[in-house]
Structures are given as structure tokens and as C-alpha cells.
Amino acid sequence: MASLELRQLQYFVAVAEHLHFGRAAEALSIGQPAVSQQIARLERILGTELLDRTPRTVRLTEQGSRFLPEARKVLVAVDRARASVTRSENDAGVLRIGTCSGLAGRLDAFLAAVDERRPGTAVELTSVPQRPRLERVAAGQLDAAFVRGVPAAAGIDVVEVWRDRLVAALPAGHDLARRDSVSLTDLGDLPLRLVNRRINPVLVDLVLGRCAEAGVHPHRLAFDGGPVDNLLAAVSTGVPSWTVLYEAHSRMIQSPRVAFVRVDPELSMPTCLAFSASATSQDAAPLLDAARVAAEAG
């Protein structure tokens, strides 16, 4: 029987986290064919399918769901073994931070504040979906991570550091785009473009929950994830529709085809820093202080 390779486990975990071969390959900085080939080899070695693939979706099979946590344990163990012989005492100066979308200028402000508080500290940023981000914090692979909402997860402590306002993105030529603000009732007749819930459950639940509270049940138009530019292009083309974007992120986008309008009553999302439950206050304090500086800068 052929031996398992670490890269096969790494590629499988990446696809399982993103549920998308293309985005996993991008995160790994390798070509998609290499990811597909190595996972196919892994499945042949194990004698079972780990992923259920269709032209539009990728899902874990029952065997894949059982294999995923064990694969993660192997990768964590390898990381710890490598760290035990490669990290010097000074390498306590490497911070591994998980990030999420829409942080915009606040991430720059956070990094600048960290540099002031811990001069010479190298910061490694990692972007993966929220659930694996939390799992990596709990496993010690990340020192902290920015997360949306206030998630409950085993082995994790979360501290809210700011709230991000969400704005409605509309075709620039639509009547509602000329207003200073819109209500969810105003938007109710327009189709709503949101990512699949499995990609961003916190955002989807917030928006649909607030719509339901307003007595609005918008027609959903699927968006399978990918660059924000693709989402905004879909909003600005064809049948008028709308979506939501973090206001801080919207300020960085220059598009004559899309307008960003505040929602009244306000839509906002808590942003938290997540730490391992075993982290000390000495570990957390400089990062929380830097995040509060970033909040004021936002």
C-alpha cells in the first residue's frame, strides 16, 4: 500500500475548509490540477471517497467528515514538531493571526499598533473560513483570529473589539441608489444576492433574520463565493438586485456602476478577537489594545 504524504493531507484539509477546489488552490498558492490529483491519490490509498464532487458543489462524504479531524491532528502535530526545533527564543516574536473579509483599513491600523507595542514582531496572516479559523486557534496554530459575530466554540474565548456597519450595494442607476438611506422594506421587492450559508453563516443569518423581523422575505439569488468584484458586477448587471458589504470595505471600492447606501435601522456585525482558552492575559492584552486602536481608526 502506498504511503500517505503530508501534502495530500494539507490539500484535503484546504479543500474541506473552502469546499471549493479553486479557492483551496489559491490559498495553497499552487495550481488546481495538482490539488485534484493529490486528493484523488489520497482517496485511492484510503480506498474511499472523501469528497462528493458535482459541477457546482463540493461536499464532504461521511468518510471525509470522519477523516478531516484526524488529518488536522496530524498536521498540528507536524507543526509542533517542526516548531520545537526551528523556533528560537526570539521567535516568541512571531504572531500568527487569522483574518476575515472586510477589515479594510482597520487591519492596517491593527498591524501598525501591534508593531508599536511589540517592535520587531513578525506577523503571519492567515485567511480561511471562520470555522477552521477557530479550530486553528483552539489547536494553537494561530495566536488569535478576527471573527464575525460572537461564536461559541470549544477551547475558545472571544472578545468583541468593534462593530462593523453593513451597507446596501445597489445598481447605481436604481431609484433607491439616490437616497441617503434605505429600509429593508424599501429593498423588499428586489432580489437579494448573498453567498451560500455554508460559506458565511453569520452574515447570512444576520441579514435574513433582520429581513424577517421587518416582514420582508426577499427572493434569493445564489452567489457561490469568490471575489467581491464578481458579486458587485452581478448586482450592477441585468435584473436589479442588491447585496450587503461592510461599510469600511465599500469605501475602498471605486465603481461607477454600484452605489452604497446605508440601511436604516442600522445593520451591524460584531467583530471579535478569538484566543485559545489557555492563552494568558499577557498574551491577549497587546492584541486587544491594538484592536481597540484599530476600532478608533475605523
C-alpha atoms as a PDB file:
ATOM      1  CA  MET A   1       0.000   0.000   0.000  1.00  0.00           C
ATOM      2  CA  ALA A   2       1.318   3.449  -0.931  1.00  0.00           C
ATOM      3  CA  SER A   3       2.231   5.799   1.903  1.00  0.00           C
ATOM      4  CA  LEU A   4       0.246   8.905   2.735  1.00  0.00           C
ATOM      5  CA  GLU A   5       2.004  12.189   2.050  1.00  0.00           C
ATOM      6  CA  LEU A   6       1.700  15.298   4.173  1.00  0.00           C
ATOM      7  CA  ARG A   7       0.860  17.405   1.136  1.00  0.00           C
ATOM      8  CA  GLN A   8      -2.112  15.142   0.429  1.00  0.00           C
ATOM      9  CA  LEU A   9      -3.429  15.829   3.930  1.00  0.00           C
ATOM     10  CA  GLN A  10      -2.749  19.562   3.525  1.00  0.00           C
ATOM     11  CA  TYR A  11      -4.569  19.700   0.197  1.00  0.00           C
ATOM     12  CA  PHE A  12      -7.523  17.696   1.529  1.00  0.00           C
ATOM     13  CA  VAL A  13      -7.881  19.923   4.598  1.00  0.00           C
ATOM     14  CA  ALA A  14      -7.719  23.056   2.415  1.00  0.00           C
ATOM     15  CA  VAL A  15     -10.484  21.780   0.109  1.00  0.00           C
ATOM     16  CA  ALA A  16     -12.554  20.660   3.117  1.00  0.00           C
ATOM     17  CA  GLU A  17     -12.231  24.144   4.632  1.00  0.00           C
ATOM     18  CA  HIS A  18     -13.103  26.052   1.453  1.00  0.00           C
ATOM     19  CA  LEU A  19     -15.417  23.436  -0.128  1.00  0.00           C
ATOM     20  CA  HIS A  20     -14.046  24.663  -3.427  1.00  0.00           C
ATOM     21  CA  PHE A  21     -11.018  23.343  -5.342  1.00  0.00           C
ATOM     22  CA  GLY A  22     -10.168  26.684  -6.942  1.00  0.00           C
ATOM     23  CA  ARG A  23     -10.206  28.670  -3.703  1.00  0.00           C
ATOM     24  CA  ALA A  24      -8.236  25.933  -1.917  1.00  0.00           C
ATOM     25  CA  ALA A  25      -5.588  26.011  -4.649  1.00  0.00           C
ATOM     26  CA  GLU A  26      -5.404  29.801  -4.383  1.00  0.00           C
ATOM     27  CA  ALA A  27      -4.944  29.584  -0.597  1.00  0.00           C
ATOM     28  CA  LEU A  28      -2.195  26.991  -1.083  1.00  0.00           C
ATOM     29  CA  SER A  29      -0.561  29.055  -3.868  1.00  0.00           C
ATOM     30  CA  ILE A  30      -0.492  26.076  -6.248  1.00  0.00           C
ATOM     31  CA  GLY A  31      -2.358  25.033  -9.369  1.00  0.00           C
ATOM     32  CA  GLN A  32      -5.808  23.476  -9.094  1.00  0.00           C
ATOM     33  CA  PRO A  33      -4.849  20.346 -11.121  1.00  0.00           C
ATOM     34  CA  ALA A  34      -2.183  19.480  -8.520  1.00  0.00           C
ATOM     35  CA  VAL A  35      -4.777  19.681  -5.734  1.00  0.00           C
ATOM     36  CA  SER A  36      -7.214  17.455  -7.624  1.00  0.00           C
ATOM     37  CA  GLN A  37      -4.516  14.896  -8.484  1.00  0.00           C
ATOM     38  CA  GLN A  38      -3.163  14.577  -4.956  1.00  0.00           C
ATOM     39  CA  ILE A  39      -6.614  14.236  -3.387  1.00  0.00           C
ATOM     40  CA  ALA A  40      -7.513  11.579  -5.968  1.00  0.00           C
ATOM     41  CA  ARG A  41      -4.334   9.710  -4.980  1.00  0.00           C
ATOM     42  CA  LEU A  42      -5.221  10.053  -1.311  1.00  0.00           C
ATOM     43  CA  GLU A  43      -8.661   8.572  -1.959  1.00  0.00           C
ATOM     44  CA  ARG A  44      -7.098   5.672  -3.860  1.00  0.00           C
ATOM     45  CA  ILE A  45      -4.696   4.999  -0.988  1.00  0.00           C
ATOM     46  CA  LEU A  46      -7.548   5.035   1.535  1.00  0.00           C
ATOM     47  CA  GLY A  47      -9.871   3.094  -0.754  1.00  0.00           C
ATOM     48  CA  THR A  48     -12.773   5.510  -0.232  1.00  0.00           C
ATOM     49  CA  GLU A  49     -14.145   8.819  -1.493  1.00  0.00           C
ATOM     50  CA  LEU A  50     -13.583  11.726   0.871  1.00  0.00           C
ATOM     51  CA  LEU A  51     -15.322  14.377  -1.232  1.00  0.00           C
ATOM     52  CA  ASP A  52     -18.584  14.349  -3.151  1.00  0.00           C
ATOM     53  CA  ARG A  53     -17.977  16.466  -6.265  1.00  0.00           C
ATOM     54  CA  THR A  54     -20.583  17.908  -8.620  1.00  0.00           C
ATOM     55  CA  PRO A  55     -20.088  20.628 -11.271  1.00  0.00           C
ATOM     56  CA  ARG A  56     -21.397  23.231  -8.777  1.00  0.00           C
ATOM     57  CA  THR A  57     -20.618  21.933  -5.297  1.00  0.00           C
ATOM     58  CA  VAL A  58     -18.044  20.089  -3.219  1.00  0.00           C
ATOM     59  CA  ARG A  59     -19.155  18.312  -0.050  1.00  0.00           C
ATOM     60  CA  LEU A  60     -17.518  16.024   2.462  1.00  0.00           C
ATOM     61  CA  THR A  61     -18.680  12.425   2.345  1.00  0.00           C
ATOM     62  CA  GLU A  62     -19.376  10.627   5.612  1.00  0.00           C
ATOM     63  CA  GLN A  63     -15.876   9.130   5.426  1.00  0.00           C
ATOM     64  CA  GLY A  64     -14.417  12.568   4.645  1.00  0.00           C
ATOM     65  CA  SER A  65     -16.131  14.080   7.701  1.00  0.00           C
ATOM     66  CA  ARG A  66     -14.573  11.388   9.892  1.00  0.00           C
ATOM     67  CA  PHE A  67     -11.162  11.736   8.278  1.00  0.00           C
ATOM     68  CA  LEU A  68     -10.956  15.562   8.470  1.00  0.00           C
ATOM     69  CA  PRO A  69     -10.349  15.988  12.234  1.00  0.00           C
ATOM     70  CA  GLU A  70      -7.756  13.218  12.188  1.00  0.00           C
ATOM     71  CA  ALA A  71      -5.947  14.841   9.243  1.00  0.00           C
ATOM     72  CA  ARG A  72      -5.917  18.149  11.123  1.00  0.00           C
ATOM     73  CA  LYS A  73      -4.424  16.454  14.193  1.00  0.00           C
ATOM     74  CA  VAL A  74      -1.577  15.066  12.079  1.00  0.00           C
ATOM     75  CA  LEU A  75      -0.826  18.485  10.579  1.00  0.00           C
ATOM     76  CA  VAL A  76      -0.915  20.165  14.006  1.00  0.00           C
ATOM     77  CA  ALA A  77       1.467  17.527  15.385  1.00  0.00           C
ATOM     78  CA  VAL A  78       3.864  18.091  12.478  1.00  0.00           C
ATOM     79  CA  ASP A  79       3.748  21.861  13.010  1.00  0.00           C
ATOM     80  CA  ARG A  80       4.534  21.437  16.698  1.00  0.00           C
ATOM     81  CA  ALA A  81       7.387  19.038  15.997  1.00  0.00           C
ATOM     82  CA  ARG A  82       8.870  21.426  13.436  1.00  0.00           C
ATOM     83  CA  ALA A  83       8.446  24.400  15.776  1.00  0.00           C
ATOM     84  CA  SER A  84      10.224  22.584  18.606  1.00  0.00           C
ATOM     85  CA  VAL A  85      13.484  22.574  16.646  1.00  0.00           C
ATOM     86  CA  THR A  86      13.176  25.658  14.436  1.00  0.00           C
ATOM     87  CA  ARG A  87      11.926  28.376  16.755  1.00  0.00           C
ATOM     88  CA  SER A  88      14.422  30.327  18.765  1.00  0.00           C
ATOM     89  CA  GLU A  89      13.575  32.190  21.952  1.00  0.00           C
ATOM     90  CA  ASN A  90      13.263  35.321  19.880  1.00  0.00           C
ATOM     91  CA  ASP A  91      10.653  33.623  17.802  1.00  0.00           C
ATOM     92  CA  ALA A  92       8.234  34.304  20.538  1.00  0.00           C
ATOM     93  CA  GLY A  93       8.157  37.408  18.320  1.00  0.00           C
ATOM     94  CA  VAL A  94       6.187  35.683  15.555  1.00  0.00           C
ATOM     95  CA  LEU A  95       2.451  36.298  15.758  1.00  0.00           C
ATOM     96  CA  ARG A  96       0.079  34.156  13.699  1.00  0.00           C
ATOM     97  CA  ILE A  97      -3.213  35.985  13.162  1.00  0.00           C
ATOM     98  CA  GLY A  98      -6.326  34.752  11.376  1.00  0.00           C
ATOM     99  CA  THR A  99      -8.170  37.377   9.335  1.00  0.00           C
ATOM    100  CA  CYS A 100     -11.613  37.730   7.800  1.00  0.00           C
ATOM    101  CA  SER A 101     -13.004  39.710   4.877  1.00  0.00           C
ATOM    102  CA  GLY A 102     -13.993  43.357   5.090  1.00  0.00           C
ATOM    103  CA  LEU A 103     -11.436  44.504   7.686  1.00  0.00           C
ATOM    104  CA  ALA A 104     -10.124  47.070   5.184  1.00  0.00           C
ATOM    105  CA  GLY A 105      -8.116  49.896   6.780  1.00  0.00           C
ATOM    106  CA  ARG A 106      -8.687  48.555  10.273  1.00  0.00           C
ATOM    107  CA  LEU A 107      -6.333  45.655   9.568  1.00  0.00           C
ATOM    108  CA  ASP A 108      -3.571  48.108   8.626  1.00  0.00           C
ATOM    109  CA  ALA A 109      -4.243  50.111  11.791  1.00  0.00           C
ATOM    110  CA  PHE A 110      -4.168  46.921  13.873  1.00  0.00           C
ATOM    111  CA  LEU A 111      -0.829  45.829  12.388  1.00  0.00           C
ATOM    112  CA  ALA A 112       0.670  49.288  12.937  1.00  0.00           C
ATOM    113  CA  ALA A 113      -0.479  49.238  16.572  1.00  0.00           C
ATOM    114  CA  VAL A 114       0.985  45.744  17.082  1.00  0.00           C
ATOM    115  CA  ASP A 115       4.292  46.979  15.667  1.00  0.00           C
ATOM    116  CA  GLU A 116       4.305  49.871  18.164  1.00  0.00           C
ATOM    117  CA  ARG A 117       3.591  47.585  21.101  1.00  0.00           C
ATOM    118  CA  ARG A 118       5.849  44.731  20.030  1.00  0.00           C
ATOM    119  CA  PRO A 119       8.643  46.205  17.887  1.00  0.00           C
ATOM    120  CA  GLY A 120      10.325  43.704  15.606  1.00  0.00           C
ATOM    121  CA  THR A 121       7.456  41.234  15.817  1.00  0.00           C
ATOM    122  CA  ALA A 122       6.790  39.384  12.577  1.00  0.00           C
ATOM    123  CA  VAL A 123       3.091  38.883  11.835  1.00  0.00           C
ATOM    124  CA  GLU A 124       1.875  35.986   9.713  1.00  0.00           C
ATOM    125  CA  LEU A 125      -1.677  36.448   8.401  1.00  0.00           C
ATOM    126  CA  THR A 126      -3.902  33.508   7.519  1.00  0.00           C
ATOM    127  CA  SER A 127      -7.290  33.702   5.793  1.00  0.00           C
ATOM    128  CA  VAL A 128      -9.541  30.627   5.948  1.00  0.00           C
ATOM    129  CA  PRO A 129     -13.294  30.276   6.611  1.00  0.00           C
ATOM    130  CA  GLN A 130     -14.450  31.035  10.147  1.00  0.00           C
ATOM    131  CA  ARG A 131     -14.948  27.522  11.484  1.00  0.00           C
ATOM    132  CA  PRO A 132     -11.449  26.257  10.576  1.00  0.00           C
ATOM    133  CA  ARG A 133     -10.063  29.614  11.745  1.00  0.00           C
ATOM    134  CA  LEU A 134     -11.470  28.936  15.213  1.00  0.00           C
ATOM    135  CA  GLU A 135     -10.245  25.350  15.120  1.00  0.00           C
ATOM    136  CA  ARG A 136      -6.730  26.572  14.348  1.00  0.00           C
ATOM    137  CA  VAL A 137      -6.863  28.966  17.297  1.00  0.00           C
ATOM    138  CA  ALA A 138      -8.001  26.163  19.612  1.00  0.00           C
ATOM    139  CA  ALA A 139      -5.234  23.894  18.274  1.00  0.00           C
ATOM    140  CA  GLY A 140      -2.547  26.520  18.826  1.00  0.00           C
ATOM    141  CA  GLN A 141      -1.846  27.021  15.110  1.00  0.00           C
ATOM    142  CA  LEU A 142      -2.974  30.651  15.363  1.00  0.00           C
ATOM    143  CA  ASP A 143      -2.262  33.004  18.264  1.00  0.00           C
ATOM    144  CA  ALA A 144      -5.525  34.864  17.662  1.00  0.00           C
ATOM    145  CA  ALA A 145      -8.087  35.412  14.930  1.00  0.00           C
ATOM    146  CA  PHE A 146     -10.578  38.039  13.899  1.00  0.00           C
ATOM    147  CA  VAL A 147     -14.070  36.541  13.662  1.00  0.00           C
ATOM    148  CA  ARG A 148     -17.530  37.856  12.834  1.00  0.00           C
ATOM    149  CA  GLY A 149     -20.364  37.542  15.295  1.00  0.00           C
ATOM    150  CA  VAL A 150     -19.777  36.138  18.778  1.00  0.00           C
ATOM    151  CA  PRO A 151     -19.181  32.436  18.110  1.00  0.00           C
ATOM    152  CA  ALA A 152     -19.240  29.751  20.770  1.00  0.00           C
ATOM    153  CA  ALA A 153     -16.574  27.081  20.230  1.00  0.00           C
ATOM    154  CA  ALA A 154     -14.826  24.618  22.497  1.00  0.00           C
ATOM    155  CA  GLY A 155     -11.448  25.801  23.733  1.00  0.00           C
ATOM    156  CA  ILE A 156     -12.015  29.380  22.543  1.00  0.00           C
ATOM    157  CA  ASP A 157     -12.510  32.726  24.270  1.00  0.00           C
ATOM    158  CA  VAL A 158     -13.811  35.680  22.226  1.00  0.00           C
ATOM    159  CA  VAL A 159     -13.729  39.404  22.981  1.00  0.00           C
ATOM    160  CA  GLU A 160     -15.739  41.924  20.944  1.00  0.00           C
ATOM    161  CA  VAL A 161     -13.448  44.701  19.682  1.00  0.00           C
ATOM    162  CA  TRP A 162     -15.753  46.710  17.403  1.00  0.00           C
ATOM    163  CA  ARG A 163     -18.926  46.588  15.312  1.00  0.00           C
ATOM    164  CA  ASP A 164     -18.897  46.926  11.540  1.00  0.00           C
ATOM    165  CA  ARG A 165     -21.784  48.673   9.778  1.00  0.00           C
ATOM    166  CA  LEU A 166     -23.179  46.968   6.689  1.00  0.00           C
ATOM    167  CA  VAL A 167     -24.391  48.992   3.719  1.00  0.00           C
ATOM    168  CA  ALA A 168     -26.633  48.020   0.816  1.00  0.00           C
ATOM    169  CA  ALA A 169     -24.982  47.799  -2.596  1.00  0.00           C
ATOM    170  CA  LEU A 170     -27.365  48.704  -5.442  1.00  0.00           C
ATOM    171  CA  PRO A 171     -27.125  49.367  -9.189  1.00  0.00           C
ATOM    172  CA  ALA A 172     -26.042  53.000  -9.479  1.00  0.00           C
ATOM    173  CA  GLY A 173     -28.960  53.807 -11.785  1.00  0.00           C
ATOM    174  CA  HIS A 174     -31.684  52.497  -9.476  1.00  0.00           C
ATOM    175  CA  ASP A 175     -34.035  54.981  -7.784  1.00  0.00           C
ATOM    176  CA  LEU A 176     -33.094  53.683  -4.293  1.00  0.00           C
ATOM    177  CA  ALA A 177     -29.419  54.382  -5.003  1.00  0.00           C
ATOM    178  CA  ARG A 178     -30.151  58.131  -4.915  1.00  0.00           C
ATOM    179  CA  ARG A 179     -31.272  58.049  -1.277  1.00  0.00           C
ATOM    180  CA  ASP A 180     -29.141  58.726   1.799  1.00  0.00           C
ATOM    181  CA  SER A 181     -30.547  55.594   3.440  1.00  0.00           C
ATOM    182  CA  VAL A 182     -32.996  52.783   2.707  1.00  0.00           C
ATOM    183  CA  SER A 183     -35.059  50.452   4.850  1.00  0.00           C
ATOM    184  CA  LEU A 184     -35.254  46.700   4.417  1.00  0.00           C
ATOM    185  CA  THR A 185     -38.890  47.230   3.445  1.00  0.00           C
ATOM    186  CA  ASP A 186     -37.735  49.532   0.626  1.00  0.00           C
ATOM    187  CA  LEU A 187     -35.443  46.746  -0.575  1.00  0.00           C
ATOM    188  CA  GLY A 188     -38.037  44.008  -0.208  1.00  0.00           C
ATOM    189  CA  ASP A 189     -39.111  43.884  -3.860  1.00  0.00           C
ATOM    190  CA  LEU A 190     -35.561  43.490  -5.144  1.00  0.00           C
ATOM    191  CA  PRO A 191     -33.807  40.103  -5.345  1.00  0.00           C
ATOM    192  CA  LEU A 192     -31.054  39.700  -2.734  1.00  0.00           C
ATOM    193  CA  ARG A 193     -27.644  38.302  -3.690  1.00  0.00           C
ATOM    194  CA  LEU A 194     -25.972  36.529  -0.770  1.00  0.00           C
ATOM    195  CA  VAL A 195     -23.308  33.866  -0.521  1.00  0.00           C
ATOM    196  CA  ASN A 196     -24.358  30.342   0.300  1.00  0.00           C
ATOM    197  CA  ARG A 197     -24.928  29.970   4.042  1.00  0.00           C
ATOM    198  CA  ARG A 198     -22.226  27.303   4.345  1.00  0.00           C
ATOM    199  CA  ILE A 199     -19.669  29.913   3.223  1.00  0.00           C
ATOM    200  CA  ASN A 200     -20.702  32.682   5.636  1.00  0.00           C
ATOM    201  CA  PRO A 201     -23.475  31.571   8.018  1.00  0.00           C
ATOM    202  CA  VAL A 202     -23.034  34.531  10.397  1.00  0.00           C
ATOM    203  CA  LEU A 203     -23.628  37.130   7.685  1.00  0.00           C
ATOM    204  CA  VAL A 204     -26.477  35.241   6.022  1.00  0.00           C
ATOM    205  CA  ASP A 205     -28.281  34.676   9.336  1.00  0.00           C
ATOM    206  CA  LEU A 206     -27.905  38.331  10.309  1.00  0.00           C
ATOM    207  CA  VAL A 207     -29.281  39.722   7.031  1.00  0.00           C
ATOM    208  CA  LEU A 208     -32.125  37.219   6.614  1.00  0.00           C
ATOM    209  CA  GLY A 209     -33.021  37.478  10.306  1.00  0.00           C
ATOM    210  CA  ARG A 210     -33.319  41.251  10.129  1.00  0.00           C
ATOM    211  CA  CYS A 211     -35.323  40.979   6.897  1.00  0.00           C
ATOM    212  CA  ALA A 212     -37.741  38.564   8.594  1.00  0.00           C
ATOM    213  CA  GLU A 213     -38.115  40.937  11.561  1.00  0.00           C
ATOM    214  CA  ALA A 214     -39.083  43.671   9.074  1.00  0.00           C
ATOM    215  CA  GLY A 215     -41.637  41.360   7.454  1.00  0.00           C
ATOM    216  CA  VAL A 216     -39.528  41.072   4.293  1.00  0.00           C
ATOM    217  CA  HIS A 217     -38.732  37.768   2.602  1.00  0.00           C
ATOM    218  CA  PRO A 218     -36.588  38.671  -0.428  1.00  0.00           C
ATOM    219  CA  HIS A 219     -36.082  36.369  -3.352  1.00  0.00           C
ATOM    220  CA  ARG A 220     -32.557  34.943  -3.065  1.00  0.00           C
ATOM    221  CA  LEU A 221     -30.142  34.882  -5.972  1.00  0.00           C
ATOM    222  CA  ALA A 222     -27.287  32.449  -5.390  1.00  0.00           C
ATOM    223  CA  PHE A 223     -23.687  33.589  -5.224  1.00  0.00           C
ATOM    224  CA  ASP A 224     -21.158  30.802  -4.748  1.00  0.00           C
ATOM    225  CA  GLY A 225     -18.423  32.969  -3.322  1.00  0.00           C
ATOM    226  CA  GLY A 226     -15.325  34.425  -4.916  1.00  0.00           C
ATOM    227  CA  PRO A 227     -14.056  37.995  -5.301  1.00  0.00           C
ATOM    228  CA  VAL A 228     -16.295  40.841  -4.151  1.00  0.00           C
ATOM    229  CA  ASP A 229     -15.818  42.375  -7.607  1.00  0.00           C
ATOM    230  CA  ASN A 230     -17.766  39.445  -9.079  1.00  0.00           C
ATOM    231  CA  LEU A 231     -20.622  39.961  -6.626  1.00  0.00           C
ATOM    232  CA  LEU A 232     -20.828  43.691  -7.371  1.00  0.00           C
ATOM    233  CA  ALA A 233     -20.666  43.035 -11.110  1.00  0.00           C
ATOM    234  CA  ALA A 234     -23.668  40.714 -10.748  1.00  0.00           C
ATOM    235  CA  VAL A 235     -25.582  43.401  -8.811  1.00  0.00           C
ATOM    236  CA  SER A 236     -24.868  46.036 -11.450  1.00  0.00           C
ATOM    237  CA  THR A 237     -25.816  43.856 -14.433  1.00  0.00           C
ATOM    238  CA  GLY A 238     -29.188  42.642 -15.689  1.00  0.00           C
ATOM    239  CA  VAL A 239     -32.178  42.448 -13.339  1.00  0.00           C
ATOM    240  CA  PRO A 240     -31.770  45.000 -10.488  1.00  0.00           C
ATOM    241  CA  SER A 241     -30.734  43.355  -7.218  1.00  0.00           C
ATOM    242  CA  TRP A 242     -28.918  44.228  -4.018  1.00  0.00           C
ATOM    243  CA  THR A 243     -26.383  42.821  -1.611  1.00  0.00           C
ATOM    244  CA  VAL A 244     -24.592  43.927   1.552  1.00  0.00           C
ATOM    245  CA  LEU A 245     -20.997  44.930   2.108  1.00  0.00           C
ATOM    246  CA  TYR A 246     -19.046  46.103   5.124  1.00  0.00           C
ATOM    247  CA  GLU A 247     -19.006  49.903   5.006  1.00  0.00           C
ATOM    248  CA  ALA A 248     -15.251  50.055   5.658  1.00  0.00           C
ATOM    249  CA  HIS A 249     -14.719  47.826   2.637  1.00  0.00           C
ATOM    250  CA  SER A 250     -17.118  49.818   0.465  1.00  0.00           C
ATOM    251  CA  ARG A 251     -15.040  52.976   0.990  1.00  0.00           C
ATOM    252  CA  MET A 252     -12.158  51.288  -0.821  1.00  0.00           C
ATOM    253  CA  ILE A 253     -14.207  50.445  -3.928  1.00  0.00           C
ATOM    254  CA  GLN A 254     -14.496  52.835  -6.857  1.00  0.00           C
ATOM    255  CA  SER A 255     -17.217  51.639  -9.221  1.00  0.00           C
ATOM    256  CA  PRO A 256     -19.484  53.935 -11.239  1.00  0.00           C
ATOM    257  CA  ARG A 257     -21.929  51.027 -11.714  1.00  0.00           C
ATOM    258  CA  VAL A 258     -22.655  50.439  -7.994  1.00  0.00           C
ATOM    259  CA  ALA A 259     -23.861  52.717  -5.203  1.00  0.00           C
ATOM    260  CA  PHE A 260     -23.541  52.059  -1.466  1.00  0.00           C
ATOM    261  CA  VAL A 261     -26.423  53.223   0.726  1.00  0.00           C
ATOM    262  CA  ARG A 262     -26.805  52.993   4.494  1.00  0.00           C
ATOM    263  CA  VAL A 263     -29.576  50.799   5.872  1.00  0.00           C
ATOM    264  CA  ASP A 264     -31.992  52.253   8.439  1.00  0.00           C
ATOM    265  CA  PRO A 265     -32.338  50.851  11.074  1.00  0.00           C
ATOM    266  CA  GLU A 266     -28.609  50.127  11.020  1.00  0.00           C
ATOM    267  CA  LEU A 267     -27.266  46.701  10.123  1.00  0.00           C
ATOM    268  CA  SER A 268     -24.073  45.955  12.004  1.00  0.00           C
ATOM    269  CA  MET A 269     -21.912  42.934  12.744  1.00  0.00           C
ATOM    270  CA  PRO A 270     -19.809  42.372  15.887  1.00  0.00           C
ATOM    271  CA  THR A 271     -16.148  41.735  15.160  1.00  0.00           C
ATOM    272  CA  CYS A 272     -14.238  39.821  17.824  1.00  0.00           C
ATOM    273  CA  LEU A 273     -10.755  38.578  18.547  1.00  0.00           C
ATOM    274  CA  ALA A 274     -10.680  34.880  19.354  1.00  0.00           C
ATOM    275  CA  PHE A 275      -7.999  33.370  21.576  1.00  0.00           C
ATOM    276  CA  SER A 276      -7.301  29.892  22.810  1.00  0.00           C
ATOM    277  CA  ALA A 277      -8.895  29.386  26.218  1.00  0.00           C
ATOM    278  CA  SER A 278      -5.393  28.616  27.503  1.00  0.00           C
ATOM    279  CA  ALA A 279      -3.996  32.000  26.381  1.00  0.00           C
ATOM    280  CA  THR A 280      -2.778  34.224  29.194  1.00  0.00           C
ATOM    281  CA  SER A 281      -3.862  37.812  29.713  1.00  0.00           C
ATOM    282  CA  GLN A 282      -0.245  38.773  28.961  1.00  0.00           C
ATOM    283  CA  ASP A 283      -0.615  37.160  25.514  1.00  0.00           C
ATOM    284  CA  ALA A 284      -4.004  38.709  24.792  1.00  0.00           C
ATOM    285  CA  ALA A 285      -3.603  42.220  26.193  1.00  0.00           C
ATOM    286  CA  PRO A 286      -1.315  43.724  23.473  1.00  0.00           C
ATOM    287  CA  LEU A 287      -3.536  42.362  20.690  1.00  0.00           C
ATOM    288  CA  LEU A 288      -6.737  43.601  22.315  1.00  0.00           C
ATOM    289  CA  ASP A 289      -5.128  47.003  22.833  1.00  0.00           C
ATOM    290  CA  ALA A 290      -4.071  47.097  19.165  1.00  0.00           C
ATOM    291  CA  ALA A 291      -7.587  46.080  18.068  1.00  0.00           C
ATOM    292  CA  ARG A 292      -9.115  48.926  20.090  1.00  0.00           C
ATOM    293  CA  VAL A 293      -6.745  51.383  18.417  1.00  0.00           C
ATOM    294  CA  ALA A 294      -7.883  49.969  15.068  1.00  0.00           C
ATOM    295  CA  ALA A 295     -11.524  50.376  16.123  1.00  0.00           C
ATOM    296  CA  GLU A 296     -10.994  54.075  16.763  1.00  0.00           C
ATOM    297  CA  ALA A 297      -9.221  54.434  13.418  1.00  0.00           C
ATOM    298  CA  GLY A 298     -12.120  52.756  11.559  1.00  0.00           C
END
